[in-house]
Full PDB file with SEQRES, HELIX, SHEET, SSBOND, CRYST1, ORIGX, SCALE, CONECT and MASTER records, all heavy atoms in Angstrom:
SEQRES   1 A   39  GLN ALA MET HIS ASP VAL LEU TYR HIS GLN TYR ASP LEU          
SEQRES   2 A   39  GLN LYS TYR ASP HIS LEU ASP PHE PRO GLY VAL VAL PRO          
SEQRES   3 A   39  ARG THR PHE ILE GLY ALA ILE PHE ILE SER CYS LEU ALA          
HELIX    1 AA1 ALA A    2  TYR A    8  1                                   7    
HELIX    2 AA2 LEU A   13  LYS A   15  5                                   3    
HELIX    3 AA3 ASP A   17  LEU A   19  5                                   3    
HELIX    4 AA4 ILE A   30  LEU A   38  1                                   9    
CRYST1    1.000    1.000    1.000  90.00  90.00  90.00 P 1           1          
ORIGX1      1.000000  0.000000  0.000000        0.00000                         
ORIGX2      0.000000  1.000000  0.000000        0.00000                         
ORIGX3      0.000000  0.000000  1.000000        0.00000                         
SCALE1      1.000000  0.000000  0.000000        0.00000                         
SCALE2      0.000000  1.000000  0.000000        0.00000                         
SCALE3      0.000000  0.000000  1.000000        0.00000                         
ATOM      1  N   GLN A   1      96.856 -14.500  20.735  1.00  0.00           N  
ATOM      2  CA  GLN A   1      96.639 -14.485  19.286  1.00  0.00           C  
ATOM      3  C   GLN A   1      95.258 -15.042  18.954  1.00  0.00           C  
ATOM      4  O   GLN A   1      94.586 -14.556  18.034  1.00  0.00           O  
ATOM      5  CB  GLN A   1      97.715 -15.308  18.568  1.00  0.00           C  
ATOM      6  CG  GLN A   1      99.152 -14.934  18.913  1.00  0.00           C  
ATOM      7  CD  GLN A   1      99.613 -13.617  18.330  1.00  0.00           C  
ATOM      8  OE1 GLN A   1      98.869 -12.656  18.266  1.00  0.00           O  
ATOM      9  NE2 GLN A   1     100.860 -13.569  17.905  1.00  0.00           N  
ATOM     10  N   ALA A   2      94.817 -16.056  19.696  1.00  0.00           N  
ATOM     11  CA  ALA A   2      93.491 -16.628  19.461  1.00  0.00           C  
ATOM     12  C   ALA A   2      92.396 -15.602  19.757  1.00  0.00           C  
ATOM     13  O   ALA A   2      91.415 -15.485  19.010  1.00  0.00           O  
ATOM     14  CB  ALA A   2      93.299 -17.872  20.319  1.00  0.00           C  
ATOM     15  N   MET A   3      92.558 -14.840  20.848  1.00  0.00           N  
ATOM     16  CA  MET A   3      91.578 -13.790  21.152  1.00  0.00           C  
ATOM     17  C   MET A   3      91.540 -12.750  20.045  1.00  0.00           C  
ATOM     18  O   MET A   3      90.458 -12.286  19.644  1.00  0.00           O  
ATOM     19  CB  MET A   3      91.921 -13.141  22.489  1.00  0.00           C  
ATOM     20  CG  MET A   3      91.741 -14.041  23.695  1.00  0.00           C  
ATOM     21  SD  MET A   3      92.278 -13.219  25.205  1.00  0.00           S  
ATOM     22  CE  MET A   3      92.356 -14.614  26.335  1.00  0.00           C  
ATOM     23  N   HIS A   4      92.713 -12.369  19.565  1.00  0.00           N  
ATOM     24  CA  HIS A   4      92.764 -11.406  18.460  1.00  0.00           C  
ATOM     25  C   HIS A   4      92.027 -11.941  17.242  1.00  0.00           C  
ATOM     26  O   HIS A   4      91.208 -11.241  16.620  1.00  0.00           O  
ATOM     27  CB  HIS A   4      94.227 -11.109  18.100  1.00  0.00           C  
ATOM     28  CG  HIS A   4      94.392 -10.330  16.838  1.00  0.00           C  
ATOM     29  ND1 HIS A   4      94.393 -10.914  15.577  1.00  0.00           N  
ATOM     30  CD2 HIS A   4      94.532  -9.001  16.621  1.00  0.00           C  
ATOM     31  CE1 HIS A   4      94.540  -9.988  14.659  1.00  0.00           C  
ATOM     32  NE2 HIS A   4      94.627  -8.818  15.252  1.00  0.00           N  
ATOM     33  N   ASP A   5      92.286 -13.191  16.882  1.00  0.00           N  
ATOM     34  CA  ASP A   5      91.690 -13.758  15.671  1.00  0.00           C  
ATOM     35  C   ASP A   5      90.181 -13.922  15.808  1.00  0.00           C  
ATOM     36  O   ASP A   5      89.427 -13.677  14.860  1.00  0.00           O  
ATOM     37  CB  ASP A   5      92.352 -15.095  15.348  1.00  0.00           C  
ATOM     38  CG  ASP A   5      93.820 -14.926  14.989  1.00  0.00           C  
ATOM     39  OD1 ASP A   5      94.206 -13.800  14.621  1.00  0.00           O  
ATOM     40  OD2 ASP A   5      94.580 -15.909  15.085  1.00  0.00           O  
ATOM     41  N   VAL A   6      89.729 -14.344  16.991  1.00  0.00           N  
ATOM     42  CA  VAL A   6      88.290 -14.489  17.212  1.00  0.00           C  
ATOM     43  C   VAL A   6      87.592 -13.135  17.109  1.00  0.00           C  
ATOM     44  O   VAL A   6      86.498 -13.015  16.546  1.00  0.00           O  
ATOM     45  CB  VAL A   6      88.026 -15.139  18.588  1.00  0.00           C  
ATOM     46  CG1 VAL A   6      86.540 -15.066  18.948  1.00  0.00           C  
ATOM     47  CG2 VAL A   6      88.491 -16.591  18.596  1.00  0.00           C  
ATOM     48  N   LEU A   7      88.232 -12.083  17.624  1.00  0.00           N  
ATOM     49  CA  LEU A   7      87.619 -10.754  17.633  1.00  0.00           C  
ATOM     50  C   LEU A   7      87.687 -10.065  16.272  1.00  0.00           C  
ATOM     51  O   LEU A   7      86.739  -9.382  15.874  1.00  0.00           O  
ATOM     52  CB  LEU A   7      88.307  -9.880  18.688  1.00  0.00           C  
ATOM     53  CG  LEU A   7      87.987 -10.220  20.145  1.00  0.00           C  
ATOM     54  CD1 LEU A   7      88.939  -9.498  21.077  1.00  0.00           C  
ATOM     55  CD2 LEU A   7      86.546  -9.848  20.489  1.00  0.00           C  
ATOM     56  N   TYR A   8      88.791 -10.246  15.570  1.00  0.00           N  
ATOM     57  CA  TYR A   8      89.004  -9.474  14.350  1.00  0.00           C  
ATOM     58  C   TYR A   8      88.819 -10.278  13.057  1.00  0.00           C  
ATOM     59  O   TYR A   8      88.508  -9.703  12.022  1.00  0.00           O  
ATOM     60  CB  TYR A   8      90.400  -8.838  14.369  1.00  0.00           C  
ATOM     61  CG  TYR A   8      90.539  -7.754  15.399  1.00  0.00           C  
ATOM     62  CD1 TYR A   8      91.053  -8.036  16.664  1.00  0.00           C  
ATOM     63  CD2 TYR A   8      90.131  -6.451  15.134  1.00  0.00           C  
ATOM     64  CE1 TYR A   8      91.178  -7.045  17.629  1.00  0.00           C  
ATOM     65  CE2 TYR A   8      90.241  -5.453  16.098  1.00  0.00           C  
ATOM     66  CZ  TYR A   8      90.767  -5.752  17.341  1.00  0.00           C  
ATOM     67  OH  TYR A   8      90.872  -4.771  18.301  1.00  0.00           O  
ATOM     68  N   HIS A   9      89.021 -11.600  13.098  1.00  0.00           N  
ATOM     69  CA  HIS A   9      88.837 -12.425  11.902  1.00  0.00           C  
ATOM     70  C   HIS A   9      87.577 -13.285  11.975  1.00  0.00           C  
ATOM     71  O   HIS A   9      87.098 -13.761  10.943  1.00  0.00           O  
ATOM     72  CB  HIS A   9      90.068 -13.322  11.682  1.00  0.00           C  
ATOM     73  CG  HIS A   9      91.338 -12.556  11.469  1.00  0.00           C  
ATOM     74  ND1 HIS A   9      91.405 -11.471  10.632  1.00  0.00           N  
ATOM     75  CD2 HIS A   9      92.589 -12.728  11.986  1.00  0.00           C  
ATOM     76  CE1 HIS A   9      92.646 -11.002  10.632  1.00  0.00           C  
ATOM     77  NE2 HIS A   9      93.371 -11.734  11.446  1.00  0.00           N  
ATOM     78  N   GLN A  10      87.102 -13.535  13.168  1.00  0.00           N  
ATOM     79  CA  GLN A  10      85.843 -14.253  13.402  1.00  0.00           C  
ATOM     80  C   GLN A  10      85.796 -15.595  12.657  1.00  0.00           C  
ATOM     81  O   GLN A  10      86.488 -16.531  13.045  1.00  0.00           O  
ATOM     82  CB  GLN A  10      84.671 -13.335  13.051  1.00  0.00           C  
ATOM     83  CG  GLN A  10      84.629 -12.085  13.907  1.00  0.00           C  
ATOM     84  CD  GLN A  10      83.534 -11.133  13.562  1.00  0.00           C  
ATOM     85  OE1 GLN A  10      82.743 -11.358  12.656  1.00  0.00           O  
ATOM     86  NE2 GLN A  10      83.451 -10.011  14.281  1.00  0.00           N  
ATOM     87  N   TYR A  11      85.001 -15.705  11.604  1.00  0.00           N  
ATOM     88  CA  TYR A  11      84.813 -17.001  10.946  1.00  0.00           C  
ATOM     89  C   TYR A  11      85.840 -17.281   9.839  1.00  0.00           C  
ATOM     90  O   TYR A  11      85.820 -18.367   9.245  1.00  0.00           O  
ATOM     91  CB  TYR A  11      83.405 -17.085  10.344  1.00  0.00           C  
ATOM     92  CG  TYR A  11      82.317 -16.920  11.363  1.00  0.00           C  
ATOM     93  CD1 TYR A  11      81.558 -15.750  11.424  1.00  0.00           C  
ATOM     94  CD2 TYR A  11      82.057 -17.920  12.298  1.00  0.00           C  
ATOM     95  CE1 TYR A  11      80.562 -15.585  12.366  1.00  0.00           C  
ATOM     96  CE2 TYR A  11      81.060 -17.768  13.241  1.00  0.00           C  
ATOM     97  CZ  TYR A  11      80.315 -16.602  13.282  1.00  0.00           C  
ATOM     98  OH  TYR A  11      79.327 -16.443  14.226  1.00  0.00           O  
ATOM     99  N   ASP A  12      86.729 -16.350   9.562  1.00  0.00           N  
ATOM    100  CA  ASP A  12      87.747 -16.548   8.521  1.00  0.00           C  
ATOM    101  C   ASP A  12      88.933 -17.297   9.122  1.00  0.00           C  
ATOM    102  O   ASP A  12      89.972 -16.712   9.448  1.00  0.00           O  
ATOM    103  CB  ASP A  12      88.176 -15.196   7.956  1.00  0.00           C  
ATOM    104  CG  ASP A  12      89.015 -15.348   6.690  1.00  0.00           C  
ATOM    105  OD1 ASP A  12      89.319 -16.495   6.312  1.00  0.00           O  
ATOM    106  OD2 ASP A  12      89.357 -14.324   6.087  1.00  0.00           O  
ATOM    107  N   LEU A  13      88.785 -18.606   9.256  1.00  0.00           N  
ATOM    108  CA  LEU A  13      89.772 -19.414   9.961  1.00  0.00           C  
ATOM    109  C   LEU A  13      91.132 -19.408   9.280  1.00  0.00           C  
ATOM    110  O   LEU A  13      92.162 -19.617   9.946  1.00  0.00           O  
ATOM    111  CB  LEU A  13      89.277 -20.862  10.099  1.00  0.00           C  
ATOM    112  CG  LEU A  13      87.973 -21.066  10.882  1.00  0.00           C  
ATOM    113  CD1 LEU A  13      87.673 -22.549  11.016  1.00  0.00           C  
ATOM    114  CD2 LEU A  13      88.069 -20.430  12.257  1.00  0.00           C  
ATOM    115  N   GLN A  14      91.187 -19.201   7.969  1.00  0.00           N  
ATOM    116  CA  GLN A  14      92.461 -19.248   7.259  1.00  0.00           C  
ATOM    117  C   GLN A  14      93.398 -18.118   7.680  1.00  0.00           C  
ATOM    118  O   GLN A  14      94.603 -18.209   7.433  1.00  0.00           O  
ATOM    119  CB  GLN A  14      92.215 -19.190   5.745  1.00  0.00           C  
ATOM    120  CG  GLN A  14      91.403 -20.360   5.210  1.00  0.00           C  
ATOM    121  CD  GLN A  14      91.969 -21.708   5.632  1.00  0.00           C  
ATOM    122  OE1 GLN A  14      93.188 -21.936   5.529  1.00  0.00           O  
ATOM    123  NE2 GLN A  14      91.109 -22.591   6.114  1.00  0.00           N  
ATOM    124  N   LYS A  15      92.875 -17.087   8.311  1.00  0.00           N  
ATOM    125  CA  LYS A  15      93.715 -15.982   8.771  1.00  0.00           C  
ATOM    126  C   LYS A  15      94.192 -16.170  10.209  1.00  0.00           C  
ATOM    127  O   LYS A  15      94.936 -15.329  10.713  1.00  0.00           O  
ATOM    128  CB  LYS A  15      92.951 -14.660   8.647  1.00  0.00           C  
ATOM    129  CG  LYS A  15      92.681 -14.235   7.212  1.00  0.00           C  
ATOM    130  CD  LYS A  15      92.001 -12.877   7.187  1.00  0.00           C  
ATOM    131  CE  LYS A  15      91.766 -12.408   5.745  1.00  0.00           C  
ATOM    132  NZ  LYS A  15      91.090 -11.079   5.699  1.00  0.00           N  
ATOM    133  N   TYR A  16      93.761 -17.243  10.854  1.00  0.00           N  
ATOM    134  CA  TYR A  16      94.110 -17.441  12.255  1.00  0.00           C  
ATOM    135  C   TYR A  16      95.609 -17.731  12.389  1.00  0.00           C  
ATOM    136  O   TYR A  16      96.201 -18.469  11.605  1.00  0.00           O  
ATOM    137  CB  TYR A  16      93.295 -18.580  12.862  1.00  0.00           C  
ATOM    138  CG  TYR A  16      91.922 -18.147  13.339  1.00  0.00           C  
ATOM    139  CD1 TYR A  16      91.121 -17.296  12.586  1.00  0.00           C  
ATOM    140  CD2 TYR A  16      91.419 -18.602  14.551  1.00  0.00           C  
ATOM    141  CE1 TYR A  16      89.877 -16.895  13.018  1.00  0.00           C  
ATOM    142  CE2 TYR A  16      90.166 -18.229  15.003  1.00  0.00           C  
ATOM    143  CZ  TYR A  16      89.394 -17.368  14.229  1.00  0.00           C  
ATOM    144  OH  TYR A  16      88.160 -16.980  14.666  1.00  0.00           O  
ATOM    145  N   ASP A  17      96.202 -17.152  13.434  1.00  0.00           N  
ATOM    146  CA  ASP A  17      97.653 -17.219  13.629  1.00  0.00           C  
ATOM    147  C   ASP A  17      98.150 -18.633  13.905  1.00  0.00           C  
ATOM    148  O   ASP A  17      99.247 -19.005  13.494  1.00  0.00           O  
ATOM    149  CB  ASP A  17      98.052 -16.297  14.797  1.00  0.00           C  
ATOM    150  CG  ASP A  17      99.545 -16.222  15.011  1.00  0.00           C  
ATOM    151  OD1 ASP A  17     100.189 -15.426  14.310  1.00  0.00           O  
ATOM    152  OD2 ASP A  17     100.060 -16.956  15.875  1.00  0.00           O  
ATOM    153  N   HIS A  18      97.354 -19.444  14.603  1.00  0.00           N  
ATOM    154  CA  HIS A  18      97.840 -20.751  15.027  1.00  0.00           C  
ATOM    155  C   HIS A  18      98.059 -21.712  13.862  1.00  0.00           C  
ATOM    156  O   HIS A  18      98.791 -22.703  14.011  1.00  0.00           O  
ATOM    157  CB  HIS A  18      96.868 -21.383  16.027  1.00  0.00           C  
ATOM    158  CG  HIS A  18      95.579 -21.836  15.415  1.00  0.00           C  
ATOM    159  ND1 HIS A  18      94.576 -20.961  15.052  1.00  0.00           N  
ATOM    160  CD2 HIS A  18      95.135 -23.068  15.086  1.00  0.00           C  
ATOM    161  CE1 HIS A  18      93.565 -21.638  14.546  1.00  0.00           C  
ATOM    162  NE2 HIS A  18      93.873 -22.925  14.550  1.00  0.00           N  
ATOM    163  N   LEU A  19      97.469 -21.445  12.714  1.00  0.00           N  
ATOM    164  CA  LEU A  19      97.679 -22.309  11.558  1.00  0.00           C  
ATOM    165  C   LEU A  19      99.080 -22.138  10.981  1.00  0.00           C  
ATOM    166  O   LEU A  19      99.659 -23.085  10.439  1.00  0.00           O  
ATOM    167  CB  LEU A  19      96.625 -22.032  10.486  1.00  0.00           C  
ATOM    168  CG  LEU A  19      95.174 -22.308  10.904  1.00  0.00           C  
ATOM    169  CD1 LEU A  19      94.218 -21.962   9.785  1.00  0.00           C  
ATOM    170  CD2 LEU A  19      95.001 -23.777  11.327  1.00  0.00           C  
ATOM    171  N   ASP A  20      99.643 -20.928  11.111  1.00  0.00           N  
ATOM    172  CA  ASP A  20     101.018 -20.680  10.663  1.00  0.00           C  
ATOM    173  C   ASP A  20     102.035 -20.891  11.771  1.00  0.00           C  
ATOM    174  O   ASP A  20     103.167 -21.313  11.514  1.00  0.00           O  
ATOM    175  CB  ASP A  20     101.147 -19.246  10.131  1.00  0.00           C  
ATOM    176  CG  ASP A  20     100.327 -19.021   8.873  1.00  0.00           C  
ATOM    177  OD1 ASP A  20     100.277 -19.952   8.044  1.00  0.00           O  
ATOM    178  OD2 ASP A  20      99.726 -17.941   8.731  1.00  0.00           O  
ATOM    179  N   PHE A  21     101.644 -20.599  13.005  1.00  0.00           N  
ATOM    180  CA  PHE A  21     102.552 -20.730  14.139  1.00  0.00           C  
ATOM    181  C   PHE A  21     101.835 -21.526  15.236  1.00  0.00           C  
ATOM    182  O   PHE A  21     101.310 -20.953  16.195  1.00  0.00           O  
ATOM    183  CB  PHE A  21     102.969 -19.348  14.657  1.00  0.00           C  
ATOM    184  CG  PHE A  21     103.622 -18.498  13.603  1.00  0.00           C  
ATOM    185  CD1 PHE A  21     102.875 -17.570  12.878  1.00  0.00           C  
ATOM    186  CD2 PHE A  21     104.975 -18.623  13.325  1.00  0.00           C  
ATOM    187  CE1 PHE A  21     103.465 -16.787  11.901  1.00  0.00           C  
ATOM    188  CE2 PHE A  21     105.583 -17.840  12.347  1.00  0.00           C  
ATOM    189  CZ  PHE A  21     104.827 -16.928  11.632  1.00  0.00           C  
ATOM    190  N   PRO A  22     101.806 -22.859  15.106  1.00  0.00           N  
ATOM    191  CA  PRO A  22     101.018 -23.693  16.027  1.00  0.00           C  
ATOM    192  C   PRO A  22     101.612 -23.824  17.419  1.00  0.00           C  
ATOM    193  O   PRO A  22     100.915 -24.232  18.344  1.00  0.00           O  
ATOM    194  CB  PRO A  22     100.988 -25.046  15.319  1.00  0.00           C  
ATOM    195  CG  PRO A  22     102.232 -25.071  14.489  1.00  0.00           C  
ATOM    196  CD  PRO A  22     102.445 -23.653  14.044  1.00  0.00           C  
ATOM    197  N   GLY A  23     102.888 -23.489  17.586  1.00  0.00           N  
ATOM    198  CA  GLY A  23     103.514 -23.656  18.885  1.00  0.00           C  
ATOM    199  C   GLY A  23     103.980 -25.076  19.101  1.00  0.00           C  
ATOM    200  O   GLY A  23     103.804 -25.966  18.264  1.00  0.00           O  
ATOM    201  N   VAL A  24     104.595 -25.307  20.242  1.00  0.00           N  
ATOM    202  CA  VAL A  24     105.163 -26.618  20.549  1.00  0.00           C  
ATOM    203  C   VAL A  24     104.062 -27.646  20.773  1.00  0.00           C  
ATOM    204  O   VAL A  24     104.122 -28.760  20.264  1.00  0.00           O  
ATOM    205  CB  VAL A  24     106.075 -26.524  21.789  1.00  0.00           C  
ATOM    206  CG1 VAL A  24     106.661 -27.896  22.122  1.00  0.00           C  
ATOM    207  CG2 VAL A  24     107.190 -25.517  21.557  1.00  0.00           C  
ATOM    208  N   VAL A  25     103.047 -27.264  21.538  1.00  0.00           N  
ATOM    209  CA  VAL A  25     101.907 -28.148  21.797  1.00  0.00           C  
ATOM    210  C   VAL A  25     100.622 -27.363  21.554  1.00  0.00           C  
ATOM    211  O   VAL A  25     100.579 -26.148  21.752  1.00  0.00           O  
ATOM    212  CB  VAL A  25     101.924 -28.699  23.240  1.00  0.00           C  
ATOM    213  CG1 VAL A  25     103.048 -29.697  23.428  1.00  0.00           C  
ATOM    214  CG2 VAL A  25     102.062 -27.564  24.259  1.00  0.00           C  
ATOM    215  N   PRO A  26      99.554 -28.007  21.115  1.00  0.00           N  
ATOM    216  CA  PRO A  26      98.284 -27.300  20.887  1.00  0.00           C  
ATOM    217  C   PRO A  26      97.603 -26.945  22.201  1.00  0.00           C  
ATOM    218  O   PRO A  26      97.807 -27.598  23.223  1.00  0.00           O  
ATOM    219  CB  PRO A  26      97.461 -28.315  20.092  1.00  0.00           C  
ATOM    220  CG  PRO A  26      97.989 -29.647  20.526  1.00  0.00           C  
ATOM    221  CD  PRO A  26      99.468 -29.442  20.768  1.00  0.00           C  
ATOM    222  N   ARG A  27      96.805 -25.903  22.159  1.00  0.00           N  
ATOM    223  CA  ARG A  27      96.034 -25.471  23.320  1.00  0.00           C  
ATOM    224  C   ARG A  27      94.570 -25.335  22.929  1.00  0.00           C  
ATOM    225  O   ARG A  27      94.220 -25.177  21.767  1.00  0.00           O  
ATOM    226  CB  ARG A  27      96.560 -24.129  23.845  1.00  0.00           C  
ATOM    227  CG  ARG A  27      97.942 -24.205  24.490  1.00  0.00           C  
ATOM    228  CD  ARG A  27      97.911 -25.023  25.753  1.00  0.00           C  
ATOM    229  NE  ARG A  27      99.212 -25.045  26.425  1.00  0.00           N  
ATOM    230  CZ  ARG A  27      99.460 -25.761  27.521  1.00  0.00           C  
ATOM    231  NH1 ARG A  27      98.492 -26.497  28.052  1.00  0.00           N  
ATOM    232  NH2 ARG A  27     100.644 -25.759  28.060  1.00  0.00           N  
ATOM    233  N   THR A  28      93.721 -25.335  23.925  1.00  0.00           N  
ATOM    234  CA  THR A  28      92.290 -25.214  23.670  1.00  0.00           C  
ATOM    235  C   THR A  28      91.887 -23.772  23.398  1.00  0.00           C  
ATOM    236  O   THR A  28      92.496 -22.827  23.917  1.00  0.00           O  
ATOM    237  CB  THR A  28      91.480 -25.761  24.847  1.00  0.00           C  
ATOM    238  OG1 THR A  28      90.090 -25.655  24.543  1.00  0.00           O  
ATOM    239  CG2 THR A  28      91.758 -24.981  26.118  1.00  0.00           C  
ATOM    240  N   PHE A  29      90.848 -23.607  22.581  1.00  0.00           N  
ATOM    241  CA  PHE A  29      90.292 -22.289  22.281  1.00  0.00           C  
ATOM    242  C   PHE A  29      89.177 -21.901  23.241  1.00  0.00           C  
ATOM    243  O   PHE A  29      88.645 -20.782  23.139  1.00  0.00           O  
ATOM    244  CB  PHE A  29      89.733 -22.278  20.849  1.00  0.00           C  
ATOM    245  CG  PHE A  29      90.767 -22.042  19.791  1.00  0.00           C  
ATOM    246  CD1 PHE A  29      91.516 -23.098  19.302  1.00  0.00           C  
ATOM    247  CD2 PHE A  29      90.997 -20.779  19.278  1.00  0.00           C  
ATOM    248  CE1 PHE A  29      92.463 -22.889  18.309  1.00  0.00           C  
ATOM    249  CE2 PHE A  29      91.944 -20.563  18.293  1.00  0.00           C  
ATOM    250  CZ  PHE A  29      92.684 -21.618  17.802  1.00  0.00           C  
ATOM    251  N   ILE A  30      88.785 -22.775  24.132  1.00  0.00           N  
ATOM    252  CA  ILE A  30      87.606 -22.523  24.966  1.00  0.00           C  
ATOM    253  C   ILE A  30      87.751 -21.247  25.771  1.00  0.00           C  
ATOM    254  O   ILE A  30      86.861 -20.390  25.793  1.00  0.00           O  
ATOM    255  CB  ILE A  30      87.336 -23.736  25.881  1.00  0.00           C  
ATOM    256  CG1 ILE A  30      86.902 -24.936  25.039  1.00  0.00           C  
ATOM    257  CG2 ILE A  30      86.275 -23.395  26.928  1.00  0.00           C  
ATOM    258  CD1 ILE A  30      86.705 -26.207  25.839  1.00  0.00           C  
ATOM    259  N   GLY A  31      88.874 -21.089  26.451  1.00  0.00           N  
ATOM    260  CA  GLY A  31      89.086 -19.888  27.254  1.00  0.00           C  
ATOM    261  C   GLY A  31      89.157 -18.635  26.410  1.00  0.00           C  
ATOM    262  O   GLY A  31      88.572 -17.598  26.760  1.00  0.00           O  
ATOM    263  N   ALA A  32      89.854 -18.708  25.277  1.00  0.00           N  
ATOM    264  CA  ALA A  32      90.005 -17.539  24.405  1.00  0.00           C  
ATOM    265  C   ALA A  32      88.656 -17.086  23.851  1.00  0.00           C  
ATOM    266  O   ALA A  32      88.357 -15.880  23.788  1.00  0.00           O  
ATOM    267  CB  ALA A  32      90.966 -17.864  23.264  1.00  0.00           C  
ATOM    268  N   ILE A  33      87.825 -18.043  23.454  1.00  0.00           N  
ATOM    269  CA  ILE A  33      86.509 -17.698  22.904  1.00  0.00           C  
ATOM    270  C   ILE A  33      85.609 -17.095  23.988  1.00  0.00           C  
ATOM    271  O   ILE A  33      84.904 -16.108  23.751  1.00  0.00           O  
ATOM    272  CB  ILE A  33      85.853 -18.938  22.271  1.00  0.00           C  
ATOM    273  CG1 ILE A  33      86.617 -19.336  21.007  1.00  0.00           C  
ATOM    274  CG2 ILE A  33      84.389 -18.691  21.958  1.00  0.00           C  
ATOM    275  CD1 ILE A  33      86.116 -20.605  20.359  1.00  0.00           C  
ATOM    276  N   PHE A  34      85.635 -17.668  25.177  1.00  0.00           N  
ATOM    277  CA  PHE A  34      84.808 -17.161  26.275  1.00  0.00           C  
ATOM    278  C   PHE A  34      85.172 -15.721  26.611  1.00  0.00           C  
ATOM    279  O   PHE A  34      84.294 -14.845  26.726  1.00  0.00           O  
ATOM    280  CB  PHE A  34      84.987 -18.055  27.507  1.00  0.00           C  
ATOM    281  CG  PHE A  34      84.186 -17.618  28.699  1.00  0.00           C  
ATOM    282  CD1 PHE A  34      82.801 -17.689  28.694  1.00  0.00           C  
ATOM    283  CD2 PHE A  34      84.820 -17.127  29.832  1.00  0.00           C  
ATOM    284  CE1 PHE A  34      82.061 -17.279  29.796  1.00  0.00           C  
ATOM    285  CE2 PHE A  34      84.092 -16.714  30.941  1.00  0.00           C  
ATOM    286  CZ  PHE A  34      82.709 -16.793  30.919  1.00  0.00           C  
ATOM    287  N   ILE A  35      86.453 -15.423  26.738  1.00  0.00           N  
ATOM    288  CA  ILE A  35      86.892 -14.066  27.063  1.00  0.00           C  
ATOM    289  C   ILE A  35      86.606 -13.112  25.909  1.00  0.00           C  
ATOM    290  O   ILE A  35      86.184 -11.969  26.115  1.00  0.00           O  
ATOM    291  CB  ILE A  35      88.387 -14.070  27.424  1.00  0.00           C  
ATOM    292  CG1 ILE A  35      88.604 -14.852  28.737  1.00  0.00           C  
ATOM    293  CG2 ILE A  35      88.924 -12.652  27.570  1.00  0.00           C  
ATOM    294  CD1 ILE A  35      90.044 -15.143  29.047  1.00  0.00           C  
ATOM    295  N   SER A  36      86.820 -13.584  24.675  1.00  0.00           N  
ATOM    296  CA  SER A  36      86.572 -12.737  23.509  1.00  0.00           C  
ATOM    297  C   SER A  36      85.099 -12.348  23.404  1.00  0.00           C  
ATOM    298  O   SER A  36      84.775 -11.209  23.040  1.00  0.00           O  
ATOM    299  CB  SER A  36      87.006 -13.460  22.230  1.00  0.00           C  
ATOM    300  OG  SER A  36      88.392 -13.734  22.252  1.00  0.00           O  
ATOM    301  N   CYS A  37      84.215 -13.277  23.719  1.00  0.00           N  
ATOM    302  CA  CYS A  37      82.777 -12.965  23.684  1.00  0.00           C  
ATOM    303  C   CYS A  37      82.430 -11.870  24.692  1.00  0.00           C  
ATOM    304  O   CYS A  37      81.643 -10.963  24.388  1.00  0.00           O  
ATOM    305  CB  CYS A  37      81.957 -14.228  23.958  1.00  0.00           C  
ATOM    306  SG  CYS A  37      81.988 -15.431  22.614  1.00  0.00           S  
ATOM    307  N   LEU A  38      83.008 -11.944  25.878  1.00  0.00           N  
ATOM    308  CA  LEU A  38      82.737 -10.927  26.889  1.00  0.00           C  
ATOM    309  C   LEU A  38      83.333  -9.576  26.502  1.00  0.00           C  
ATOM    310  O   LEU A  38      82.768  -8.522  26.814  1.00  0.00           O  
ATOM    311  CB  LEU A  38      83.290 -11.381  28.239  1.00  0.00           C  
ATOM    312  CG  LEU A  38      82.645 -12.619  28.866  1.00  0.00           C  
ATOM    313  CD1 LEU A  38      83.337 -12.980  30.179  1.00  0.00           C  
ATOM    314  CD2 LEU A  38      81.159 -12.402  29.107  1.00  0.00           C  
ATOM    315  N   ALA A  39      84.491  -9.607  25.827  1.00  0.00           N  
ATOM    316  CA  ALA A  39      85.167  -8.363  25.459  1.00  0.00           C  
ATOM    317  C   ALA A  39      84.675  -7.778  24.144  1.00  0.00           C  
ATOM    318  O   ALA A  39      84.997  -6.629  23.812  1.00  0.00           O  
ATOM    319  CB  ALA A  39      86.679  -8.602  25.382  1.00  0.00           C  
TER     320      ALA A  39                                                      
MASTER        0    0    0    4    0    0    0    6  319    1    0    3          
END                                                                             
């Protein structure tokens, strides 16, 4: 979901999925951003 949001919503953080569905524990965005930049 983070890769999707970085690619399709970019700087519009209010549309990011993790704000509505944070999950049990938080995770880092570092990997998602790195892969999204390459893709």
